[in-house]
Amino acid sequence: MISLKLYIAGQTARSMLALNNIKKLTAELSENDYEIKIINLLETPELASVDAIIAIPTTVRADCTPVRKVIGDLSNLEAARLALDICAA
């Protein structure tokens, strides 16, 4: 199962764009093949240290080795898919 964490800061334009794009990124996968956890650092800033988050939005795939991270709003879906090693079904 693909486990993604999206770190955002409230409902900024970039955070909302990242949220929409992560949904597009996983749209071709079966719902049983992935999970997405949204972490709002305005509500829980202490969680930034868990994955060493230095910029937001950041998407982390921690279920593989090495851990994969993409900083930004995931606008380039193909580059994000490649960086996070997410294959379309």
N, C-alpha and C. Protein backbone atom coordinates (compact mmCIF):
# COMPACT_ATOMS: atom_id res chain seq x y z
N MET A 1 0.84 -1.18 0.00
CA MET A 1 0.00 0.00 0.00
C MET A 1 0.89 1.25 0.00
N ILE A 2 0.49 2.21 -0.81
CA ILE A 2 1.21 3.48 -0.88
C ILE A 2 0.69 4.38 0.23
N SER A 3 1.59 4.87 1.05
CA SER A 3 1.22 5.73 2.17
C SER A 3 1.82 7.11 1.96
N LEU A 4 0.95 8.10 1.74
CA LEU A 4 1.40 9.46 1.47
C LEU A 4 0.98 10.38 2.60
N LYS A 5 1.88 11.30 2.94
CA LYS A 5 1.55 12.35 3.90
C LYS A 5 1.74 13.69 3.19
N LEU A 6 0.72 14.52 3.25
CA LEU A 6 0.80 15.85 2.67
C LEU A 6 0.83 16.86 3.79
N TYR A 7 1.95 17.55 3.91
CA TYR A 7 2.11 18.59 4.93
C TYR A 7 1.70 19.93 4.32
N ILE A 8 0.74 20.59 4.96
CA ILE A 8 0.25 21.88 4.49
C ILE A 8 0.23 22.87 5.66
N ALA A 9 -0.07 24.12 5.32
CA ALA A 9 -0.22 25.16 6.35
C ALA A 9 -1.54 25.87 6.12
N GLY A 10 -2.58 25.35 6.73
CA GLY A 10 -3.89 25.97 6.59
C GLY A 10 -4.46 25.80 5.20
N GLN A 11 -5.25 26.78 4.79
CA GLN A 11 -5.92 26.70 3.50
C GLN A 11 -5.38 27.74 2.54
N THR A 12 -4.06 27.83 2.46
CA THR A 12 -3.45 28.75 1.51
C THR A 12 -3.68 28.22 0.10
N ALA A 13 -3.49 29.08 -0.88
CA ALA A 13 -3.69 28.69 -2.27
C ALA A 13 -2.78 27.51 -2.65
N ARG A 14 -1.53 27.57 -2.25
CA ARG A 14 -0.60 26.47 -2.58
C ARG A 14 -0.96 25.17 -1.86
N SER A 15 -1.42 25.29 -0.63
CA SER A 15 -1.85 24.09 0.11
C SER A 15 -3.05 23.44 -0.55
N MET A 16 -4.01 24.24 -0.97
CA MET A 16 -5.22 23.71 -1.61
C MET A 16 -4.88 23.12 -2.99
N LEU A 17 -3.95 23.76 -3.70
CA LEU A 17 -3.52 23.22 -5.00
C LEU A 17 -2.83 21.88 -4.81
N ALA A 18 -1.98 21.78 -3.80
CA ALA A 18 -1.31 20.51 -3.50
C ALA A 18 -2.33 19.42 -3.15
N LEU A 19 -3.34 19.78 -2.39
CA LEU A 19 -4.39 18.82 -2.03
C LEU A 19 -5.13 18.33 -3.27
N ASN A 20 -5.51 19.25 -4.14
CA ASN A 20 -6.19 18.86 -5.39
C ASN A 20 -5.29 17.99 -6.25
N ASN A 21 -4.02 18.34 -6.33
CA ASN A 21 -3.10 17.59 -7.18
C ASN A 21 -2.77 16.21 -6.63
N ILE A 22 -2.73 16.05 -5.33
CA ILE A 22 -2.47 14.72 -4.78
C ILE A 22 -3.66 13.80 -5.06
N LYS A 23 -4.84 14.37 -5.11
CA LYS A 23 -6.03 13.58 -5.48
C LYS A 23 -5.95 13.16 -6.95
N LYS A 24 -5.48 14.06 -7.81
CA LYS A 24 -5.30 13.72 -9.22
C LYS A 24 -4.22 12.65 -9.38
N LEU A 25 -3.18 12.78 -8.59
CA LEU A 25 -2.05 11.85 -8.65
C LEU A 25 -2.48 10.42 -8.31
N THR A 26 -3.42 10.29 -7.42
CA THR A 26 -3.86 8.96 -6.98
C THR A 26 -5.17 8.52 -7.64
N ALA A 27 -5.72 9.34 -8.52
CA ALA A 27 -7.03 9.05 -9.11
C ALA A 27 -7.06 7.75 -9.89
N GLU A 28 -5.93 7.38 -10.49
CA GLU A 28 -5.90 6.17 -11.30
C GLU A 28 -5.63 4.91 -10.48
N LEU A 29 -5.37 5.07 -9.20
CA LEU A 29 -5.11 3.93 -8.34
C LEU A 29 -6.39 3.44 -7.69
N SER A 30 -6.42 2.19 -7.33
CA SER A 30 -7.54 1.64 -6.58
C SER A 30 -7.50 2.24 -5.17
N GLU A 31 -8.66 2.49 -4.60
CA GLU A 31 -8.72 3.07 -3.25
C GLU A 31 -8.04 2.20 -2.21
N ASN A 32 -7.92 0.91 -2.48
CA ASN A 32 -7.26 -0.01 -1.54
C ASN A 32 -5.74 0.01 -1.68
N ASP A 33 -5.24 0.73 -2.68
CA ASP A 33 -3.80 0.74 -2.95
C ASP A 33 -3.06 1.89 -2.31
N TYR A 34 -3.79 2.85 -1.74
CA TYR A 34 -3.11 4.02 -1.17
C TYR A 34 -3.89 4.61 -0.01
N GLU A 35 -3.18 5.39 0.79
CA GLU A 35 -3.81 6.20 1.82
C GLU A 35 -3.12 7.55 1.83
N ILE A 36 -3.89 8.59 2.10
CA ILE A 36 -3.35 9.94 2.16
C ILE A 36 -3.67 10.51 3.54
N LYS A 37 -2.65 11.01 4.19
CA LYS A 37 -2.83 11.67 5.48
C LYS A 37 -2.48 13.14 5.29
N ILE A 38 -3.41 14.02 5.59
CA ILE A 38 -3.19 15.45 5.49
C ILE A 38 -2.78 15.96 6.86
N ILE A 39 -1.64 16.63 6.92
CA ILE A 39 -1.13 17.15 8.19
C ILE A 39 -1.04 18.66 8.07
N ASN A 40 -1.89 19.34 8.84
CA ASN A 40 -1.91 20.80 8.85
C ASN A 40 -0.95 21.28 9.94
N LEU A 41 0.15 21.85 9.52
CA LEU A 41 1.18 22.27 10.48
C LEU A 41 0.78 23.50 11.29
N LEU A 42 -0.27 24.18 10.90
CA LEU A 42 -0.78 25.26 11.74
C LEU A 42 -1.45 24.70 12.99
N GLU A 43 -2.01 23.49 12.87
CA GLU A 43 -2.68 22.84 13.99
C GLU A 43 -1.73 21.97 14.81
N THR A 44 -0.79 21.32 14.13
CA THR A 44 0.15 20.41 14.81
C THR A 44 1.58 20.64 14.30
N PRO A 45 2.17 21.78 14.66
CA PRO A 45 3.51 22.10 14.15
C PRO A 45 4.60 21.12 14.60
N GLU A 46 4.38 20.45 15.71
CA GLU A 46 5.38 19.51 16.21
C GLU A 46 5.58 18.32 15.27
N LEU A 47 4.61 18.05 14.40
CA LEU A 47 4.74 16.92 13.47
C LEU A 47 5.73 17.19 12.35
N ALA A 48 6.12 18.43 12.16
CA ALA A 48 7.10 18.77 11.11
C ALA A 48 8.42 18.05 11.35
N SER A 49 8.76 17.83 12.59
CA SER A 49 10.04 17.17 12.90
C SER A 49 10.03 15.68 12.58
N VAL A 50 8.86 15.08 12.52
CA VAL A 50 8.76 13.63 12.24
C VAL A 50 9.41 13.29 10.90
N ASP A 51 9.11 14.09 9.88
CA ASP A 51 9.65 13.85 8.54
C ASP A 51 10.63 14.93 8.11
N ALA A 52 11.14 15.69 9.07
CA ALA A 52 12.12 16.76 8.80
C ALA A 52 11.62 17.72 7.71
N ILE A 53 10.43 18.25 7.92
CA ILE A 53 9.81 19.15 6.95
C ILE A 53 10.43 20.54 7.09
N ILE A 54 10.93 21.07 5.98
CA ILE A 54 11.55 22.40 6.01
C ILE A 54 10.81 23.40 5.12
N ALA A 55 9.87 22.91 4.30
CA ALA A 55 9.09 23.78 3.42
C ALA A 55 7.71 23.16 3.25
N ILE A 56 6.75 24.01 2.95
CA ILE A 56 5.40 23.50 2.72
C ILE A 56 4.82 24.14 1.47
N PRO A 57 3.98 23.43 0.76
CA PRO A 57 3.57 22.05 1.01
C PRO A 57 4.67 21.04 0.66
N THR A 58 4.67 19.93 1.37
CA THR A 58 5.58 18.82 1.11
C THR A 58 4.80 17.52 1.17
N THR A 59 5.06 16.65 0.20
CA THR A 59 4.46 15.32 0.17
C THR A 59 5.55 14.31 0.48
N VAL A 60 5.24 13.38 1.38
CA VAL A 60 6.21 12.37 1.81
C VAL A 60 5.63 10.98 1.56
N ARG A 61 6.44 10.13 0.97
CA ARG A 61 6.09 8.71 0.86
C ARG A 61 7.10 7.96 1.70
N ALA A 62 6.66 7.50 2.87
CA ALA A 62 7.57 6.89 3.84
C ALA A 62 7.49 5.37 3.86
N ASP A 63 6.63 4.77 3.03
CA ASP A 63 6.48 3.32 3.06
C ASP A 63 7.52 2.61 2.20
N CYS A 64 8.47 3.36 1.66
CA CYS A 64 9.52 2.74 0.85
C CYS A 64 10.88 3.24 1.32
N THR A 65 11.91 2.56 0.87
CA THR A 65 13.27 2.96 1.21
C THR A 65 14.01 3.26 -0.08
N PRO A 66 14.59 4.41 -0.22
CA PRO A 66 14.60 5.51 0.75
C PRO A 66 13.26 6.25 0.76
N VAL A 67 13.04 7.00 1.83
CA VAL A 67 11.85 7.84 1.93
C VAL A 67 11.89 8.84 0.78
N ARG A 68 10.75 9.08 0.18
CA ARG A 68 10.68 10.00 -0.96
C ARG A 68 9.90 11.24 -0.56
N LYS A 69 10.40 12.42 -0.98
CA LYS A 69 9.75 13.69 -0.66
C LYS A 69 9.67 14.55 -1.91
N VAL A 70 8.57 15.29 -2.01
CA VAL A 70 8.41 16.29 -3.06
C VAL A 70 7.96 17.57 -2.38
N ILE A 71 8.74 18.62 -2.57
CA ILE A 71 8.37 19.93 -2.03
C ILE A 71 7.65 20.69 -3.13
N GLY A 72 6.50 21.26 -2.80
CA GLY A 72 5.76 22.05 -3.77
C GLY A 72 4.33 21.56 -3.90
N ASP A 73 3.61 22.14 -4.85
CA ASP A 73 2.17 21.88 -4.97
C ASP A 73 1.82 20.74 -5.92
N LEU A 74 2.82 19.99 -6.38
CA LEU A 74 2.63 18.81 -7.24
C LEU A 74 2.02 19.17 -8.59
N SER A 75 2.21 20.40 -9.05
CA SER A 75 1.61 20.84 -10.32
C SER A 75 2.10 20.01 -11.51
N ASN A 76 3.34 19.60 -11.47
CA ASN A 76 3.85 18.73 -12.54
C ASN A 76 3.58 17.29 -12.10
N LEU A 77 2.42 16.79 -12.48
CA LEU A 77 1.97 15.47 -12.01
C LEU A 77 2.91 14.35 -12.42
N GLU A 78 3.44 14.40 -13.63
CA GLU A 78 4.34 13.33 -14.08
C GLU A 78 5.63 13.32 -13.28
N ALA A 79 6.19 14.49 -13.01
CA ALA A 79 7.41 14.57 -12.21
C ALA A 79 7.14 14.10 -10.78
N ALA A 80 6.00 14.47 -10.23
CA ALA A 80 5.64 14.04 -8.87
C ALA A 80 5.44 12.53 -8.82
N ARG A 81 4.77 11.99 -9.84
CA ARG A 81 4.54 10.54 -9.90
C ARG A 81 5.87 9.80 -9.95
N LEU A 82 6.79 10.32 -10.72
CA LEU A 82 8.11 9.69 -10.83
C LEU A 82 8.88 9.81 -9.53
N ALA A 83 8.89 10.99 -8.93
CA ALA A 83 9.64 11.23 -7.69
C ALA A 83 9.11 10.39 -6.54
N LEU A 84 7.79 10.20 -6.50
CA LEU A 84 7.18 9.44 -5.40
C LEU A 84 7.04 7.95 -5.74
N ASP A 85 7.46 7.58 -6.95
CA ASP A 85 7.39 6.19 -7.43
C ASP A 85 5.96 5.66 -7.35
N ILE A 86 5.06 6.43 -7.96
CA ILE A 86 3.65 6.03 -8.02
C ILE A 86 3.33 5.68 -9.46
N CYS A 87 3.03 4.43 -9.70
CA CYS A 87 2.70 3.98 -11.06
C CYS A 87 1.20 3.99 -11.24
N ALA A 88 0.77 4.47 -12.38
CA ALA A 88 -0.66 4.46 -12.70
C ALA A 88 -1.09 3.00 -12.90
N ALA A 89 -2.33 2.73 -12.53
CA ALA A 89 -2.85 1.36 -12.65
C ALA A 89 -3.05 0.97 -14.09
